[in-house]
Amino acid sequence: MKKNRIFLITIVALILLSGIWYLIKKTNFFNEIFGLILSPFLEGSTYSGSKTRNFFQNYLFLVDLKRENERLKKEILLLKSQLANYKERERIYKELEDFYKLSTEITYPKVAAKIIYKPVDPFSGIIFIDKGSKDGILPQMPVLAGVSGEGIALVGQVVEVYRNWSKVILLTDPSFSADVKVERTGDRGILVGKAEKYCNLQYLPSASQVKEGDEVITSGQDAFFPPGLLVGKVVYVKRDPVQAMFKYAEVEPVVNLYNLDLVFVLLKLPEIPL
């Protein structure tokens, strides 16, 4: 009985308190009770929804960020490619400018040509260029290159011509030969390729004072090449063991033939019909 009385007193107290609360806030009693009971669950669902919304917002942000990074990477690669292309064009323009400045004394027309084929073998003496008969090129025309700060050098000769391309033999090819002279002594000889790094300078006079380091240039007396073109430097001199009345020398071309990518064809034919 005592417990029942306490329970009834508690119920009556709650009703009285609720009535007082209603008078103060003018809200529905049962709504208040319902809100009191469910408020922890509502707060939890609100917190969980906020977390879920934040998660998806962060996920979408990261997806967009990844796409933007990919786009920027592609853009950077494109810009690097364009920069490399501009640098290559600038190098070619600089080489063209230097060549034409150095070749002002050569009155023949010149045609710039890019090397489109060069054998991997470093001792091969042939190249193919991207200019042909449509550009006025004919067999036997000299092929030149500029040597920065020094002058214009002979690097070879056209041997076959097609409409859009031509075949060129270099100084080092065994089928190449040119009448040259040692600039310091004036001694003439015949420069011949030998499929090696160096060329042979044959038929030097036995009394020649040629020595290592002497510069070799074209003599202009073979009807093919104009005089004064740089050829190379003497690296070795010895008396010819077969023909004692002559000496021979080895000559290193002044142009690095294996790193060439741009040459100039001199539109000049032999002055004496052969």
C-alpha atoms as a PDB file:
ATOM      1  CA  MET A   1       0.000   0.000   0.000  1.00  0.00           C
ATOM      2  CA  LYS A   2       2.772   2.367   0.842  1.00  0.00           C
ATOM      3  CA  LYS A   3       4.414   1.780  -2.554  1.00  0.00           C
ATOM      4  CA  ASN A   4       1.160   2.381  -4.392  1.00  0.00           C
ATOM      5  CA  ARG A   5       0.689   5.613  -2.545  1.00  0.00           C
ATOM      6  CA  ILE A   6       4.143   6.823  -3.460  1.00  0.00           C
ATOM      7  CA  PHE A   7       3.514   5.913  -7.127  1.00  0.00           C
ATOM      8  CA  LEU A   8       0.187   7.835  -7.160  1.00  0.00           C
ATOM      9  CA  ILE A   9       1.830  10.824  -5.524  1.00  0.00           C
ATOM     10  CA  THR A  10       4.572  10.743  -8.187  1.00  0.00           C
ATOM     11  CA  ILE A  11       2.018  10.585 -11.029  1.00  0.00           C
ATOM     12  CA  VAL A  12       0.034  13.467  -9.576  1.00  0.00           C
ATOM     13  CA  ALA A  13       3.251  15.472  -9.166  1.00  0.00           C
ATOM     14  CA  LEU A  14       4.199  14.877 -12.796  1.00  0.00           C
ATOM     15  CA  ILE A  15       0.736  15.945 -13.963  1.00  0.00           C
ATOM     16  CA  LEU A  16       0.911  19.092 -11.891  1.00  0.00           C
ATOM     17  CA  LEU A  17       4.391  19.915 -13.152  1.00  0.00           C
ATOM     18  CA  SER A  18       3.306  19.316 -16.738  1.00  0.00           C
ATOM     19  CA  GLY A  19       0.331  21.604 -16.242  1.00  0.00           C
ATOM     20  CA  ILE A  20       2.560  24.300 -14.876  1.00  0.00           C
ATOM     21  CA  TRP A  21       4.990  23.776 -17.817  1.00  0.00           C
ATOM     22  CA  TYR A  22       2.063  24.016 -20.239  1.00  0.00           C
ATOM     23  CA  LEU A  23       0.927  27.281 -18.716  1.00  0.00           C
ATOM     24  CA  ILE A  24       4.434  28.667 -19.047  1.00  0.00           C
ATOM     25  CA  LYS A  25       5.285  27.494 -22.592  1.00  0.00           C
ATOM     26  CA  LYS A  26       1.768  26.729 -23.870  1.00  0.00           C
ATOM     27  CA  THR A  27       2.865  23.460 -25.457  1.00  0.00           C
ATOM     28  CA  ASN A  28       1.170  20.142 -25.650  1.00  0.00           C
ATOM     29  CA  PHE A  29       1.939  17.849 -22.766  1.00  0.00           C
ATOM     30  CA  PHE A  30       2.211  14.710 -24.838  1.00  0.00           C
ATOM     31  CA  ASN A  31       4.402  16.455 -27.387  1.00  0.00           C
ATOM     32  CA  GLU A  32       6.728  17.409 -24.629  1.00  0.00           C
ATOM     33  CA  ILE A  33       6.838  13.876 -23.312  1.00  0.00           C
ATOM     34  CA  PHE A  34       7.352  12.521 -26.855  1.00  0.00           C
ATOM     35  CA  GLY A  35      10.095  15.039 -27.538  1.00  0.00           C
ATOM     36  CA  LEU A  36      11.747  14.245 -24.227  1.00  0.00           C
ATOM     37  CA  ILE A  37      11.830  10.554 -25.057  1.00  0.00           C
ATOM     38  CA  LEU A  38      12.920  10.864 -28.727  1.00  0.00           C
ATOM     39  CA  SER A  39      15.289  13.817 -28.513  1.00  0.00           C
ATOM     40  CA  PRO A  40      18.423  11.657 -27.938  1.00  0.00           C
ATOM     41  CA  PHE A  41      17.580   9.564 -31.019  1.00  0.00           C
ATOM     42  CA  LEU A  42      16.821  12.653 -33.128  1.00  0.00           C
ATOM     43  CA  GLU A  43      20.066  14.274 -32.090  1.00  0.00           C
ATOM     44  CA  GLY A  44      21.926  11.068 -33.002  1.00  0.00           C
ATOM     45  CA  SER A  45      20.319  10.840 -36.436  1.00  0.00           C
ATOM     46  CA  THR A  46      21.073  14.515 -37.082  1.00  0.00           C
ATOM     47  CA  TYR A  47      24.720  13.985 -36.140  1.00  0.00           C
ATOM     48  CA  SER A  48      24.934  10.825 -38.277  1.00  0.00           C
ATOM     49  CA  GLY A  49      23.359  12.631 -41.277  1.00  0.00           C
ATOM     50  CA  SER A  50      25.777  15.495 -40.916  1.00  0.00           C
ATOM     51  CA  LYS A  51      28.714  13.094 -40.870  1.00  0.00           C
ATOM     52  CA  THR A  52      27.407  11.253 -43.952  1.00  0.00           C
ATOM     53  CA  ARG A  53      26.844  14.513 -45.818  1.00  0.00           C
ATOM     54  CA  ASN A  54      30.357  15.716 -44.939  1.00  0.00           C
ATOM     55  CA  PHE A  55      31.823  12.386 -46.076  1.00  0.00           C
ATOM     56  CA  PHE A  56      30.210  12.594 -49.528  1.00  0.00           C
ATOM     57  CA  GLN A  57      31.154  16.253 -49.849  1.00  0.00           C
ATOM     58  CA  ASN A  58      34.802  15.402 -49.074  1.00  0.00           C
ATOM     59  CA  TYR A  59      34.686  12.442 -51.476  1.00  0.00           C
ATOM     60  CA  LEU A  60      33.347  14.569 -54.320  1.00  0.00           C
ATOM     61  CA  PHE A  61      35.956  17.213 -53.562  1.00  0.00           C
ATOM     62  CA  LEU A  62      38.734  14.615 -53.772  1.00  0.00           C
ATOM     63  CA  VAL A  63      37.338  13.257 -57.061  1.00  0.00           C
ATOM     64  CA  ASP A  64      37.294  16.764 -58.542  1.00  0.00           C
ATOM     65  CA  LEU A  65      40.792  17.394 -57.195  1.00  0.00           C
ATOM     66  CA  LYS A  66      42.092  14.209 -58.845  1.00  0.00           C
ATOM     67  CA  ARG A  67      40.523  15.196 -62.166  1.00  0.00           C
ATOM     68  CA  GLU A  68      42.074  18.631 -61.901  1.00  0.00           C
ATOM     69  CA  ASN A  69      45.488  17.100 -61.151  1.00  0.00           C
ATOM     70  CA  GLU A  70      45.207  14.846 -64.197  1.00  0.00           C
ATOM     71  CA  ARG A  71      44.241  17.811 -66.358  1.00  0.00           C
ATOM     72  CA  LEU A  72      47.181  19.852 -65.035  1.00  0.00           C
ATOM     73  CA  LYS A  73      49.599  16.948 -65.652  1.00  0.00           C
ATOM     74  CA  LYS A  74      48.475  16.698 -69.284  1.00  0.00           C
ATOM     75  CA  GLU A  75      48.758  20.460 -69.655  1.00  0.00           C
ATOM     76  CA  ILE A  76      52.290  20.426 -68.199  1.00  0.00           C
ATOM     77  CA  LEU A  77      53.345  17.626 -70.595  1.00  0.00           C
ATOM     78  CA  LEU A  78      51.927  19.596 -73.517  1.00  0.00           C
ATOM     79  CA  LEU A  79      53.763  22.743 -72.416  1.00  0.00           C
ATOM     80  CA  LYS A  80      57.025  20.795 -72.009  1.00  0.00           C
ATOM     81  CA  SER A  81      56.608  19.373 -75.501  1.00  0.00           C
ATOM     82  CA  GLN A  82      55.943  22.833 -76.917  1.00  0.00           C
ATOM     83  CA  LEU A  83      58.945  24.253 -75.058  1.00  0.00           C
ATOM     84  CA  ALA A  84      61.206  21.505 -76.428  1.00  0.00           C
ATOM     85  CA  ASN A  85      59.872  22.207 -79.920  1.00  0.00           C
ATOM     86  CA  TYR A  86      60.511  25.948 -79.546  1.00  0.00           C
ATOM     87  CA  LYS A  87      64.048  25.300 -78.265  1.00  0.00           C
ATOM     88  CA  GLU A  88      64.756  22.993 -81.201  1.00  0.00           C
ATOM     89  CA  ARG A  89      63.439  25.584 -83.664  1.00  0.00           C
ATOM     90  CA  GLU A  90      65.489  28.275 -81.961  1.00  0.00           C
ATOM     91  CA  ARG A  91      68.615  26.096 -82.236  1.00  0.00           C
ATOM     92  CA  ILE A  92      67.995  25.511 -85.948  1.00  0.00           C
ATOM     93  CA  TYR A  93      67.359  29.202 -86.605  1.00  0.00           C
ATOM     94  CA  LYS A  94      70.559  30.049 -84.737  1.00  0.00           C
ATOM     95  CA  GLU A  95      72.496  27.500 -86.783  1.00  0.00           C
ATOM     96  CA  LEU A  96      71.010  28.867 -90.006  1.00  0.00           C
ATOM     97  CA  GLU A  97      71.852  32.420 -88.996  1.00  0.00           C
ATOM     98  CA  ASP A  98      75.430  31.516 -88.068  1.00  0.00           C
ATOM     99  CA  PHE A  99      75.953  29.589 -91.310  1.00  0.00           C
ATOM    100  CA  TYR A 100      74.744  32.382 -93.571  1.00  0.00           C
ATOM    101  CA  LYS A 101      76.833  34.921 -91.683  1.00  0.00           C
ATOM    102  CA  LEU A 102      79.945  32.754 -92.077  1.00  0.00           C
ATOM    103  CA  SER A 103      79.267  31.918 -95.737  1.00  0.00           C
ATOM    104  CA  THR A 104      78.894  35.435 -97.087  1.00  0.00           C
ATOM    105  CA  GLU A 105      82.021  35.001 -99.229  1.00  0.00           C
ATOM    106  CA  ILE A 106      80.576  31.901-100.921  1.00  0.00           C
ATOM    107  CA  THR A 107      78.577  33.333-103.780  1.00  0.00           C
ATOM    108  CA  TYR A 108      76.802  30.124-104.809  1.00  0.00           C
ATOM    109  CA  PRO A 109      73.212  29.587-103.611  1.00  0.00           C
ATOM    110  CA  LYS A 110      72.829  27.341-100.566  1.00  0.00           C
ATOM    111  CA  VAL A 111      69.942  25.041 -99.613  1.00  0.00           C
ATOM    112  CA  ALA A 112      69.487  24.019 -95.979  1.00  0.00           C
ATOM    113  CA  ALA A 113      68.583  20.346 -95.515  1.00  0.00           C
ATOM    114  CA  LYS A 114      67.717  18.186 -92.531  1.00  0.00           C
ATOM    115  CA  ILE A 115      69.213  14.720 -92.223  1.00  0.00           C
ATOM    116  CA  ILE A 116      66.356  12.231 -92.381  1.00  0.00           C
ATOM    117  CA  TYR A 117      68.429   9.042 -92.204  1.00  0.00           C
ATOM    118  CA  LYS A 118      71.795   8.251 -90.739  1.00  0.00           C
ATOM    119  CA  PRO A 119      72.970   4.691 -90.087  1.00  0.00           C
ATOM    120  CA  VAL A 120      73.536   3.707 -86.477  1.00  0.00           C
ATOM    121  CA  ASP A 121      76.999   2.472 -87.427  1.00  0.00           C
ATOM    122  CA  PRO A 122      79.287   5.397 -86.475  1.00  0.00           C
ATOM    123  CA  PHE A 123      81.693   4.542 -89.286  1.00  0.00           C
ATOM    124  CA  SER A 124      79.099   4.540 -92.044  1.00  0.00           C
ATOM    125  CA  GLY A 125      79.795   7.315 -94.528  1.00  0.00           C
ATOM    126  CA  ILE A 126      76.331   8.012 -95.932  1.00  0.00           C
ATOM    127  CA  ILE A 127      73.325  10.116 -94.955  1.00  0.00           C
ATOM    128  CA  PHE A 128      69.972  10.932 -96.560  1.00  0.00           C
ATOM    129  CA  ILE A 129      68.672  14.507 -96.601  1.00  0.00           C
ATOM    130  CA  ASP A 130      65.158  15.924 -97.063  1.00  0.00           C
ATOM    131  CA  LYS A 131      65.914  17.943-100.199  1.00  0.00           C
ATOM    132  CA  GLY A 132      65.960  16.683-103.764  1.00  0.00           C
ATOM    133  CA  SER A 133      65.537  17.598-107.411  1.00  0.00           C
ATOM    134  CA  LYS A 134      62.504  19.781-106.677  1.00  0.00           C
ATOM    135  CA  ASP A 135      64.858  21.978-104.629  1.00  0.00           C
ATOM    136  CA  GLY A 136      67.438  22.287-107.418  1.00  0.00           C
ATOM    137  CA  ILE A 137      69.821  19.665-106.068  1.00  0.00           C
ATOM    138  CA  LEU A 138      71.900  17.572-108.466  1.00  0.00           C
ATOM    139  CA  PRO A 139      74.572  14.876-108.072  1.00  0.00           C
ATOM    140  CA  GLN A 140      78.153  16.006-107.332  1.00  0.00           C
ATOM    141  CA  MET A 141      77.069  19.117-105.436  1.00  0.00           C
ATOM    142  CA  PRO A 142      79.107  19.854-102.260  1.00  0.00           C
ATOM    143  CA  VAL A 143      77.524  19.438 -98.839  1.00  0.00           C
ATOM    144  CA  LEU A 144      78.642  21.836 -96.110  1.00  0.00           C
ATOM    145  CA  ALA A 145      78.141  22.630 -92.438  1.00  0.00           C
ATOM    146  CA  GLY A 146      78.949  25.609 -90.250  1.00  0.00           C
ATOM    147  CA  VAL A 147      81.614  25.428 -87.551  1.00  0.00           C
ATOM    148  CA  SER A 148      80.797  27.980 -84.880  1.00  0.00           C
ATOM    149  CA  GLY A 149      83.495  30.627 -84.570  1.00  0.00           C
ATOM    150  CA  GLU A 150      85.644  29.061 -87.309  1.00  0.00           C
ATOM    151  CA  GLY A 151      83.968  29.012 -90.680  1.00  0.00           C
ATOM    152  CA  ILE A 152      82.345  26.752 -93.241  1.00  0.00           C
ATOM    153  CA  ALA A 153      83.401  23.116 -93.489  1.00  0.00           C
ATOM    154  CA  LEU A 154      83.087  20.480 -96.177  1.00  0.00           C
ATOM    155  CA  VAL A 155      81.250  17.382 -94.937  1.00  0.00           C
ATOM    156  CA  GLY A 156      80.453  15.468 -98.112  1.00  0.00           C
ATOM    157  CA  GLN A 157      78.992  15.341-101.596  1.00  0.00           C
ATOM    158  CA  VAL A 158      75.621  14.521-103.140  1.00  0.00           C
ATOM    159  CA  VAL A 159      75.713  11.235-105.081  1.00  0.00           C
ATOM    160  CA  GLU A 160      72.074  10.348-105.745  1.00  0.00           C
ATOM    161  CA  VAL A 161      69.085  12.634-106.160  1.00  0.00           C
ATOM    162  CA  TYR A 162      65.362  11.918-106.074  1.00  0.00           C
ATOM    163  CA  ARG A 163      62.447  14.307-106.121  1.00  0.00           C
ATOM    164  CA  ASN A 164      62.120  14.798-102.360  1.00  0.00           C
ATOM    165  CA  TRP A 165      65.375  13.469-100.939  1.00  0.00           C
ATOM    166  CA  SER A 166      69.020  12.841-101.767  1.00  0.00           C
ATOM    167  CA  LYS A 167      71.839  10.536-100.763  1.00  0.00           C
ATOM    168  CA  VAL A 168      75.092  12.079 -99.555  1.00  0.00           C
ATOM    169  CA  ILE A 169      78.510  10.507 -98.978  1.00  0.00           C
ATOM    170  CA  LEU A 170      80.557  11.950 -96.120  1.00  0.00           C
ATOM    171  CA  LEU A 171      84.293  12.634 -95.939  1.00  0.00           C
ATOM    172  CA  THR A 172      84.801   9.316 -94.193  1.00  0.00           C
ATOM    173  CA  ASP A 173      83.223   7.213 -96.946  1.00  0.00           C
ATOM    174  CA  PRO A 174      85.806   5.214 -98.976  1.00  0.00           C
ATOM    175  CA  SER A 175      84.289   6.485-102.238  1.00  0.00           C
ATOM    176  CA  PHE A 176      84.862  10.139-101.256  1.00  0.00           C
ATOM    177  CA  SER A 177      87.912  12.121-102.351  1.00  0.00           C
ATOM    178  CA  ALA A 178      88.832  15.801-102.556  1.00  0.00           C
ATOM    179  CA  ASP A 179      91.847  17.869-103.564  1.00  0.00           C
ATOM    180  CA  VAL A 180      92.998  19.644-100.378  1.00  0.00           C
ATOM    181  CA  LYS A 181      95.988  21.487 -99.023  1.00  0.00           C
ATOM    182  CA  VAL A 182      97.648  22.064 -95.685  1.00  0.00           C
ATOM    183  CA  GLU A 183      96.968  25.698 -94.882  1.00  0.00           C
ATOM    184  CA  ARG A 184     100.280  26.380 -93.097  1.00  0.00           C
ATOM    185  CA  THR A 185     102.624  24.812 -95.655  1.00  0.00           C
ATOM    186  CA  GLY A 186     100.531  24.980 -98.844  1.00  0.00           C
ATOM    187  CA  ASP A 187     101.247  21.299 -99.584  1.00  0.00           C
ATOM    188  CA  ARG A 188      98.553  19.682-101.685  1.00  0.00           C
ATOM    189  CA  GLY A 189      97.244  16.150-101.350  1.00  0.00           C
ATOM    190  CA  ILE A 190      94.194  13.994-101.907  1.00  0.00           C
ATOM    191  CA  LEU A 191      91.849  13.445 -98.991  1.00  0.00           C
ATOM    192  CA  VAL A 192      90.278   9.978 -99.073  1.00  0.00           C
ATOM    193  CA  GLY A 193      87.731   8.419 -96.723  1.00  0.00           C
ATOM    194  CA  LYS A 194      88.422   5.012 -95.187  1.00  0.00           C
ATOM    195  CA  ALA A 195      85.262   4.107 -93.225  1.00  0.00           C
ATOM    196  CA  GLU A 196      86.886   5.139 -89.973  1.00  0.00           C
ATOM    197  CA  LYS A 197      86.933   8.150 -87.697  1.00  0.00           C
ATOM    198  CA  TYR A 198      89.840   9.716 -89.616  1.00  0.00           C
ATOM    199  CA  CYS A 199      90.507  10.296 -93.327  1.00  0.00           C
ATOM    200  CA  ASN A 200      93.738   9.663 -95.205  1.00  0.00           C
ATOM    201  CA  LEU A 201      95.657  12.567 -96.729  1.00  0.00           C
ATOM    202  CA  GLN A 202      97.666  10.996 -99.550  1.00  0.00           C
ATOM    203  CA  TYR A 203     100.400  12.131-101.940  1.00  0.00           C
ATOM    204  CA  LEU A 204     102.012  14.730 -99.708  1.00  0.00           C
ATOM    205  CA  PRO A 205     105.509  15.640-101.007  1.00  0.00           C
ATOM    206  CA  SER A 206     108.277  13.714 -99.258  1.00  0.00           C
ATOM    207  CA  ALA A 207     109.900  17.012 -98.230  1.00  0.00           C
ATOM    208  CA  SER A 208     106.660  18.332 -96.735  1.00  0.00           C
ATOM    209  CA  GLN A 209     106.918  19.891 -93.266  1.00  0.00           C
ATOM    210  CA  VAL A 210     103.370  18.965 -92.367  1.00  0.00           C
ATOM    211  CA  LYS A 211     102.947  18.221 -88.668  1.00  0.00           C
ATOM    212  CA  GLU A 212     100.264  17.314 -86.179  1.00  0.00           C
ATOM    213  CA  GLY A 213      97.746  20.074 -85.577  1.00  0.00           C
ATOM    214  CA  ASP A 214      98.035  21.601 -89.071  1.00  0.00           C
ATOM    215  CA  GLU A 215      94.727  22.621 -90.581  1.00  0.00           C
ATOM    216  CA  VAL A 216      93.581  21.149 -93.887  1.00  0.00           C
ATOM    217  CA  ILE A 217      91.325  23.075 -96.299  1.00  0.00           C
ATOM    218  CA  THR A 218      90.007  22.529 -99.816  1.00  0.00           C
ATOM    219  CA  SER A 219      92.393  23.656-102.539  1.00  0.00           C
ATOM    220  CA  GLY A 220      89.722  24.501-105.125  1.00  0.00           C
ATOM    221  CA  GLN A 221      91.727  22.698-107.814  1.00  0.00           C
ATOM    222  CA  ASP A 222      89.551  19.657-108.351  1.00  0.00           C
ATOM    223  CA  ALA A 223      86.610  21.447-110.052  1.00  0.00           C
ATOM    224  CA  PHE A 224      84.216  20.066-107.405  1.00  0.00           C
ATOM    225  CA  PHE A 225      84.698  22.132-104.265  1.00  0.00           C
ATOM    226  CA  PRO A 226      85.384  25.864-103.862  1.00  0.00           C
ATOM    227  CA  PRO A 227      88.697  26.793-102.176  1.00  0.00           C
ATOM    228  CA  GLY A 228      89.114  27.545 -98.493  1.00  0.00           C
ATOM    229  CA  LEU A 229      86.494  25.228 -97.015  1.00  0.00           C
ATOM    230  CA  LEU A 230      87.554  23.762 -93.677  1.00  0.00           C
ATOM    231  CA  VAL A 231      88.237  20.041 -93.783  1.00  0.00           C
ATOM    232  CA  GLY A 232      90.048  18.978 -90.621  1.00  0.00           C
ATOM    233  CA  LYS A 233      93.283  18.792 -88.639  1.00  0.00           C
ATOM    234  CA  VAL A 234      96.313  16.542 -89.062  1.00  0.00           C
ATOM    235  CA  VAL A 235      96.627  14.017 -86.238  1.00  0.00           C
ATOM    236  CA  TYR A 236      99.403  11.789 -87.636  1.00  0.00           C
ATOM    237  CA  VAL A 237     102.099  12.049 -90.330  1.00  0.00           C
ATOM    238  CA  LYS A 238     104.257   9.246 -91.756  1.00  0.00           C
ATOM    239  CA  ARG A 239     106.253   8.460 -94.868  1.00  0.00           C
ATOM    240  CA  ASP A 240     104.328   6.282 -97.304  1.00  0.00           C
ATOM    241  CA  PRO A 241     105.799   2.748 -97.032  1.00  0.00           C
ATOM    242  CA  VAL A 242     104.734   1.887-100.590  1.00  0.00           C
ATOM    243  CA  GLN A 243     105.660   5.108-102.376  1.00  0.00           C
ATOM    244  CA  ALA A 244     108.706   6.506-100.622  1.00  0.00           C
ATOM    245  CA  MET A 245     108.564   9.769-102.542  1.00  0.00           C
ATOM    246  CA  PHE A 246     105.366  10.696-100.695  1.00  0.00           C
ATOM    247  CA  LYS A 247     104.137  11.141 -97.168  1.00  0.00           C
ATOM    248  CA  TYR A 248     100.662  10.514 -95.914  1.00  0.00           C
ATOM    249  CA  ALA A 249      98.738  11.813 -92.953  1.00  0.00           C
ATOM    250  CA  GLU A 250      95.589  11.089 -91.033  1.00  0.00           C
ATOM    251  CA  VAL A 251      93.097  13.930 -90.754  1.00  0.00           C
ATOM    252  CA  GLU A 252      90.328  14.339 -88.220  1.00  0.00           C
ATOM    253  CA  PRO A 253      87.293  16.115 -89.765  1.00  0.00           C
ATOM    254  CA  VAL A 254      86.603  19.488 -88.151  1.00  0.00           C
ATOM    255  CA  VAL A 255      82.881  18.687 -88.058  1.00  0.00           C
ATOM    256  CA  ASN A 256      81.533  15.961 -85.793  1.00  0.00           C
ATOM    257  CA  LEU A 257      79.917  13.982 -88.594  1.00  0.00           C
ATOM    258  CA  TYR A 258      78.048  11.675 -86.243  1.00  0.00           C
ATOM    259  CA  ASN A 259      76.139  14.460 -84.501  1.00  0.00           C
ATOM    260  CA  LEU A 260      75.023  16.258 -87.641  1.00  0.00           C
ATOM    261  CA  ASP A 261      71.319  16.937 -88.129  1.00  0.00           C
ATOM    262  CA  LEU A 262      71.439  19.956 -90.447  1.00  0.00           C
ATOM    263  CA  VAL A 263      73.584  20.485 -93.559  1.00  0.00           C
ATOM    264  CA  PHE A 264      73.736  22.883 -96.494  1.00  0.00           C
ATOM    265  CA  VAL A 265      73.930  21.878-100.137  1.00  0.00           C
ATOM    266  CA  LEU A 266      75.946  24.235-102.307  1.00  0.00           C
ATOM    267  CA  LEU A 267      74.185  24.602-105.663  1.00  0.00           C
ATOM    268  CA  LYS A 268      77.427  24.277-107.593  1.00  0.00           C
ATOM    269  CA  LEU A 269      78.266  21.793-110.337  1.00  0.00           C
ATOM    270  CA  PRO A 270      81.778  20.802-111.481  1.00  0.00           C
ATOM    271  CA  GLU A 271      83.344  23.599-113.469  1.00  0.00           C
ATOM    272  CA  ILE A 272      84.921  21.109-115.875  1.00  0.00           C
ATOM    273  CA  PRO A 273      82.573  18.533-117.470  1.00  0.00           C
ATOM    274  CA  LEU A 274      83.613  15.045-116.358  1.00  0.00           C
END
